[in-house]
Amino acid sequence: MTQTQMSEILMCSQRVYSNYERGDVDIPTNILIKLADYHKVSVDYLLGRTDNPKMNK
């Protein structure tokens, strides 16, 4: 998937998404939630707080 495609899913610009990937800026909570939902993993998994990708519901 390209950065442009992911940025469209997250409703941000490709440049902003590129900044997230490079770690130049912190990812806002609402974007973390969208990423977790898209990849069907927990936000804690994305943040490296757990090795378990499953979402708790």
PDB file of N, CA and C in Angstrom:
ATOM      1  N   MET A   1       0.841  -1.161   0.000  1.00  0.00           N
ATOM      2  CA  MET A   1       0.000   0.000   0.000  1.00  0.00           C
ATOM      3  C   MET A   1       0.898   1.239   0.000  1.00  0.00           C
ATOM      4  N   THR A   2       0.504   2.218  -0.766  1.00  0.00           N
ATOM      5  CA  THR A   2       1.295   3.442  -0.834  1.00  0.00           C
ATOM      6  C   THR A   2       0.909   4.399   0.296  1.00  0.00           C
ATOM      7  N   GLN A   3       1.780   5.350   0.537  1.00  0.00           N
ATOM      8  CA  GLN A   3       1.467   6.379   1.527  1.00  0.00           C
ATOM      9  C   GLN A   3       0.231   7.165   1.106  1.00  0.00           C
ATOM     10  N   THR A   4       0.084   7.406  -0.176  1.00  0.00           N
ATOM     11  CA  THR A   4      -1.084   8.142  -0.667  1.00  0.00           C
ATOM     12  C   THR A   4      -2.362   7.371  -0.380  1.00  0.00           C
ATOM     13  N   GLN A   5      -2.342   6.069  -0.615  1.00  0.00           N
ATOM     14  CA  GLN A   5      -3.534   5.253  -0.341  1.00  0.00           C
ATOM     15  C   GLN A   5      -3.876   5.265   1.147  1.00  0.00           C
ATOM     16  N   MET A   6      -2.876   5.101   2.005  1.00  0.00           N
ATOM     17  CA  MET A   6      -3.132   5.100   3.441  1.00  0.00           C
ATOM     18  C   MET A   6      -3.593   6.474   3.904  1.00  0.00           C
ATOM     19  N   SER A   7      -3.016   7.522   3.357  1.00  0.00           N
ATOM     20  CA  SER A   7      -3.422   8.867   3.763  1.00  0.00           C
ATOM     21  C   SER A   7      -4.881   9.127   3.387  1.00  0.00           C
ATOM     22  N   GLU A   8      -5.339   8.567   2.286  1.00  0.00           N
ATOM     23  CA  GLU A   8      -6.744   8.715   1.904  1.00  0.00           C
ATOM     24  C   GLU A   8      -7.652   7.998   2.906  1.00  0.00           C
ATOM     25  N   ILE A   9      -7.241   6.821   3.356  1.00  0.00           N
ATOM     26  CA  ILE A   9      -8.015   6.073   4.349  1.00  0.00           C
ATOM     27  C   ILE A   9      -8.087   6.851   5.659  1.00  0.00           C
ATOM     28  N   LEU A  10      -6.965   7.474   6.030  1.00  0.00           N
ATOM     29  CA  LEU A  10      -6.885   8.200   7.298  1.00  0.00           C
ATOM     30  C   LEU A  10      -7.388   9.643   7.182  1.00  0.00           C
ATOM     31  N   MET A  11      -7.707  10.054   5.972  1.00  0.00           N
ATOM     32  CA  MET A  11      -8.197  11.408   5.692  1.00  0.00           C
ATOM     33  C   MET A  11      -7.188  12.477   6.121  1.00  0.00           C
ATOM     34  N   CYS A  12      -5.940  12.273   5.694  1.00  0.00           N
ATOM     35  CA  CYS A  12      -4.890  13.275   5.902  1.00  0.00           C
ATOM     36  C   CYS A  12      -4.083  13.336   4.613  1.00  0.00           C
ATOM     37  N   SER A  13      -3.179  14.277   4.530  1.00  0.00           N
ATOM     38  CA  SER A  13      -2.357  14.378   3.324  1.00  0.00           C
ATOM     39  C   SER A  13      -1.251  13.323   3.339  1.00  0.00           C
ATOM     40  N   GLN A  14      -0.717  13.043   2.164  1.00  0.00           N
ATOM     41  CA  GLN A  14       0.386  12.091   2.062  1.00  0.00           C
ATOM     42  C   GLN A  14       1.593  12.621   2.833  1.00  0.00           C
ATOM     43  N   ARG A  15       1.818  13.907   2.780  1.00  0.00           N
ATOM     44  CA  ARG A  15       2.959  14.509   3.478  1.00  0.00           C
ATOM     45  C   ARG A  15       2.832  14.316   4.991  1.00  0.00           C
ATOM     46  N   VAL A  16       1.631  14.531   5.525  1.00  0.00           N
ATOM     47  CA  VAL A  16       1.399  14.339   6.960  1.00  0.00           C
ATOM     48  C   VAL A  16       1.630  12.872   7.326  1.00  0.00           C
ATOM     49  N   TYR A  17       1.081  11.956   6.521  1.00  0.00           N
ATOM     50  CA  TYR A  17       1.269  10.533   6.798  1.00  0.00           C
ATOM     51  C   TYR A  17       2.752  10.157   6.743  1.00  0.00           C
ATOM     52  N   SER A  18       3.483  10.716   5.795  1.00  0.00           N
ATOM     53  CA  SER A  18       4.915  10.460   5.700  1.00  0.00           C
ATOM     54  C   SER A  18       5.627  10.920   6.976  1.00  0.00           C
ATOM     55  N   ASN A  19       5.211  12.059   7.511  1.00  0.00           N
ATOM     56  CA  ASN A  19       5.783  12.542   8.772  1.00  0.00           C
ATOM     57  C   ASN A  19       5.515  11.571   9.913  1.00  0.00           C
ATOM     58  N   TYR A  20       4.332  10.962   9.934  1.00  0.00           N
ATOM     59  CA  TYR A  20       4.015   9.958  10.956  1.00  0.00           C
ATOM     60  C   TYR A  20       4.953   8.762  10.815  1.00  0.00           C
ATOM     61  N   GLU A  21       5.108   8.266   9.591  1.00  0.00           N
ATOM     62  CA  GLU A  21       5.955   7.091   9.364  1.00  0.00           C
ATOM     63  C   GLU A  21       7.406   7.340   9.777  1.00  0.00           C
ATOM     64  N   ARG A  22       7.902   8.518   9.482  1.00  0.00           N
ATOM     65  CA  ARG A  22       9.295   8.844   9.808  1.00  0.00           C
ATOM     66  C   ARG A  22       9.480   9.167  11.284  1.00  0.00           C
ATOM     67  N   GLY A  23       8.388   9.387  11.998  1.00  0.00           N
ATOM     68  CA  GLY A  23       8.480   9.736  13.404  1.00  0.00           C
ATOM     69  C   GLY A  23       8.801  11.204  13.634  1.00  0.00           C
ATOM     70  N   ASP A  24       8.580  12.014  12.602  1.00  0.00           N
ATOM     71  CA  ASP A  24       8.848  13.445  12.727  1.00  0.00           C
ATOM     72  C   ASP A  24       7.816  14.144  13.606  1.00  0.00           C
ATOM     73  N   VAL A  25       6.617  13.604  13.650  1.00  0.00           N
ATOM     74  CA  VAL A  25       5.545  14.149  14.491  1.00  0.00           C
ATOM     75  C   VAL A  25       4.827  12.998  15.175  1.00  0.00           C
ATOM     76  N   ASP A  26       4.263  13.264  16.340  1.00  0.00           N
ATOM     77  CA  ASP A  26       3.466  12.255  17.037  1.00  0.00           C
ATOM     78  C   ASP A  26       2.143  12.055  16.308  1.00  0.00           C
ATOM     79  N   ILE A  27       1.690  10.833  16.289  1.00  0.00           N
ATOM     80  CA  ILE A  27       0.426  10.518  15.637  1.00  0.00           C
ATOM     81  C   ILE A  27      -0.714  10.845  16.594  1.00  0.00           C
ATOM     82  N   PRO A  28      -1.660  11.669  16.162  1.00  0.00           N
ATOM     83  CA  PRO A  28      -2.793  12.001  17.027  1.00  0.00           C
ATOM     84  C   PRO A  28      -3.621  10.760  17.369  1.00  0.00           C
ATOM     85  N   THR A  29      -4.279  10.805  18.494  1.00  0.00           N
ATOM     86  CA  THR A  29      -5.074   9.673  18.975  1.00  0.00           C
ATOM     87  C   THR A  29      -6.098   9.218  17.947  1.00  0.00           C
ATOM     88  N   ASN A  30      -6.796  10.148  17.310  1.00  0.00           N
ATOM     89  CA  ASN A  30      -7.828   9.750  16.345  1.00  0.00           C
ATOM     90  C   ASN A  30      -7.226   9.005  15.153  1.00  0.00           C
ATOM     91  N   ILE A  31      -6.010   9.345  14.766  1.00  0.00           N
ATOM     92  CA  ILE A  31      -5.345   8.636  13.665  1.00  0.00           C
ATOM     93  C   ILE A  31      -4.875   7.262  14.134  1.00  0.00           C
ATOM     94  N   LEU A  32      -4.367   7.166  15.359  1.00  0.00           N
ATOM     95  CA  LEU A  32      -3.977   5.857  15.907  1.00  0.00           C
ATOM     96  C   LEU A  32      -5.160   4.905  15.931  1.00  0.00           C
ATOM     97  N   ILE A  33      -6.313   5.413  16.325  1.00  0.00           N
ATOM     98  CA  ILE A  33      -7.520   4.581  16.368  1.00  0.00           C
ATOM     99  C   ILE A  33      -7.891   4.120  14.966  1.00  0.00           C
ATOM    100  N   LYS A  34      -7.838   5.018  13.986  1.00  0.00           N
ATOM    101  CA  LYS A  34      -8.146   4.632  12.602  1.00  0.00           C
ATOM    102  C   LYS A  34      -7.162   3.581  12.091  1.00  0.00           C
ATOM    103  N   LEU A  35      -5.870   3.758  12.399  1.00  0.00           N
ATOM    104  CA  LEU A  35      -4.861   2.770  11.984  1.00  0.00           C
ATOM    105  C   LEU A  35      -5.132   1.406  12.620  1.00  0.00           C
ATOM    106  N   ALA A  36      -5.415   1.412  13.917  1.00  0.00           N
ATOM    107  CA  ALA A  36      -5.694   0.160  14.624  1.00  0.00           C
ATOM    108  C   ALA A  36      -6.929  -0.524  14.042  1.00  0.00           C
ATOM    109  N   ASP A  37      -7.975   0.249  13.805  1.00  0.00           N
ATOM    110  CA  ASP A  37      -9.190  -0.325  13.227  1.00  0.00           C
ATOM    111  C   ASP A  37      -8.926  -0.891  11.834  1.00  0.00           C
ATOM    112  N   TYR A  38      -8.189  -0.153  11.026  1.00  0.00           N
ATOM    113  CA  TYR A  38      -7.900  -0.612   9.661  1.00  0.00           C
ATOM    114  C   TYR A  38      -7.125  -1.930   9.682  1.00  0.00           C
ATOM    115  N   HIS A  39      -6.121  -2.011  10.548  1.00  0.00           N
ATOM    116  CA  HIS A  39      -5.270  -3.214  10.609  1.00  0.00           C
ATOM    117  C   HIS A  39      -5.818  -4.289  11.545  1.00  0.00           C
ATOM    118  N   LYS A  40      -6.953  -3.976  12.186  1.00  0.00           N
ATOM    119  CA  LYS A  40      -7.612  -4.919  13.103  1.00  0.00           C
ATOM    120  C   LYS A  40      -6.680  -5.361  14.234  1.00  0.00           C
ATOM    121  N   VAL A  41      -6.007  -4.368  14.810  1.00  0.00           N
ATOM    122  CA  VAL A  41      -5.138  -4.589  15.968  1.00  0.00           C
ATOM    123  C   VAL A  41      -5.467  -3.537  17.020  1.00  0.00           C
ATOM    124  N   SER A  42      -4.930  -3.716  18.211  1.00  0.00           N
ATOM    125  CA  SER A  42      -5.171  -2.737  19.272  1.00  0.00           C
ATOM    126  C   SER A  42      -4.212  -1.557  19.142  1.00  0.00           C
ATOM    127  N   VAL A  43      -4.601  -0.430  19.699  1.00  0.00           N
ATOM    128  CA  VAL A  43      -3.724   0.734  19.743  1.00  0.00           C
ATOM    129  C   VAL A  43      -2.485   0.406  20.567  1.00  0.00           C
ATOM    130  N   ASP A  44      -2.656  -0.343  21.647  1.00  0.00           N
ATOM    131  CA  ASP A  44      -1.503  -0.746  22.463  1.00  0.00           C
ATOM    132  C   ASP A  44      -0.490  -1.533  21.634  1.00  0.00           C
ATOM    133  N   TYR A  45      -0.963  -2.365  20.726  1.00  0.00           N
ATOM    134  CA  TYR A  45      -0.059  -3.123  19.849  1.00  0.00           C
ATOM    135  C   TYR A  45       0.714  -2.167  18.934  1.00  0.00           C
ATOM    136  N   LEU A  46       0.018  -1.191  18.370  1.00  0.00           N
ATOM    137  CA  LEU A  46       0.690  -0.211  17.508  1.00  0.00           C
ATOM    138  C   LEU A  46       1.740   0.581  18.272  1.00  0.00           C
ATOM    139  N   LEU A  47       1.460   0.844  19.543  1.00  0.00           N
ATOM    140  CA  LEU A  47       2.384   1.632  20.362  1.00  0.00           C
ATOM    141  C   LEU A  47       3.490   0.797  20.990  1.00  0.00           C
ATOM    142  N   GLY A  48       3.474  -0.515  20.758  1.00  0.00           N
ATOM    143  CA  GLY A  48       4.513  -1.383  21.302  1.00  0.00           C
ATOM    144  C   GLY A  48       4.339  -1.698  22.773  1.00  0.00           C
ATOM    145  N   ARG A  49       3.119  -1.503  23.294  1.00  0.00           N
ATOM    146  CA  ARG A  49       2.864  -1.769  24.719  1.00  0.00           C
ATOM    147  C   ARG A  49       2.492  -3.218  24.973  1.00  0.00           C
ATOM    148  N   THR A  50       2.252  -3.966  23.897  1.00  0.00           N
ATOM    149  CA  THR A  50       1.926  -5.390  24.009  1.00  0.00           C
ATOM    150  C   THR A  50       2.384  -6.092  22.748  1.00  0.00           C
ATOM    151  N   ASP A  51       2.642  -7.384  22.875  1.00  0.00           N
ATOM    152  CA  ASP A  51       2.957  -8.204  21.710  1.00  0.00           C
ATOM    153  C   ASP A  51       1.713  -8.871  21.138  1.00  0.00           C
ATOM    154  N   ASN A  52       0.597  -8.694  21.832  1.00  0.00           N
ATOM    155  CA  ASN A  52      -0.664  -9.305  21.419  1.00  0.00           C
ATOM    156  C   ASN A  52      -1.424  -8.323  20.528  1.00  0.00           C
ATOM    157  N   PRO A  53      -1.571  -8.652  19.246  1.00  0.00           N
ATOM    158  CA  PRO A  53      -2.238  -7.722  18.333  1.00  0.00           C
ATOM    159  C   PRO A  53      -3.755  -7.685  18.484  1.00  0.00           C
ATOM    160  N   LYS A  54      -4.333  -8.638  19.226  1.00  0.00           N
ATOM    161  CA  LYS A  54      -5.793  -8.719  19.314  1.00  0.00           C
ATOM    162  C   LYS A  54      -6.385  -7.501  20.021  1.00  0.00           C
ATOM    163  N   MET A  55      -7.521  -7.103  19.503  1.00  0.00           N
ATOM    164  CA  MET A  55      -8.243  -5.985  20.092  1.00  0.00           C
ATOM    165  C   MET A  55      -9.086  -6.510  21.248  1.00  0.00           C
ATOM    166  N   ASN A  56      -9.135  -5.783  22.348  1.00  0.00           N
ATOM    167  CA  ASN A  56      -9.994  -6.148  23.466  1.00  0.00           C
ATOM    168  C   ASN A  56     -11.345  -5.477  23.284  1.00  0.00           C
ATOM    169  N   LYS A  57     -12.363  -6.285  23.250  1.00  0.00           N
ATOM    170  CA  LYS A  57     -13.721  -5.729  23.079  1.00  0.00           C
ATOM    171  C   LYS A  57     -14.628  -6.339  24.080  1.00  0.00           C
TER     172      LYS A  57
END
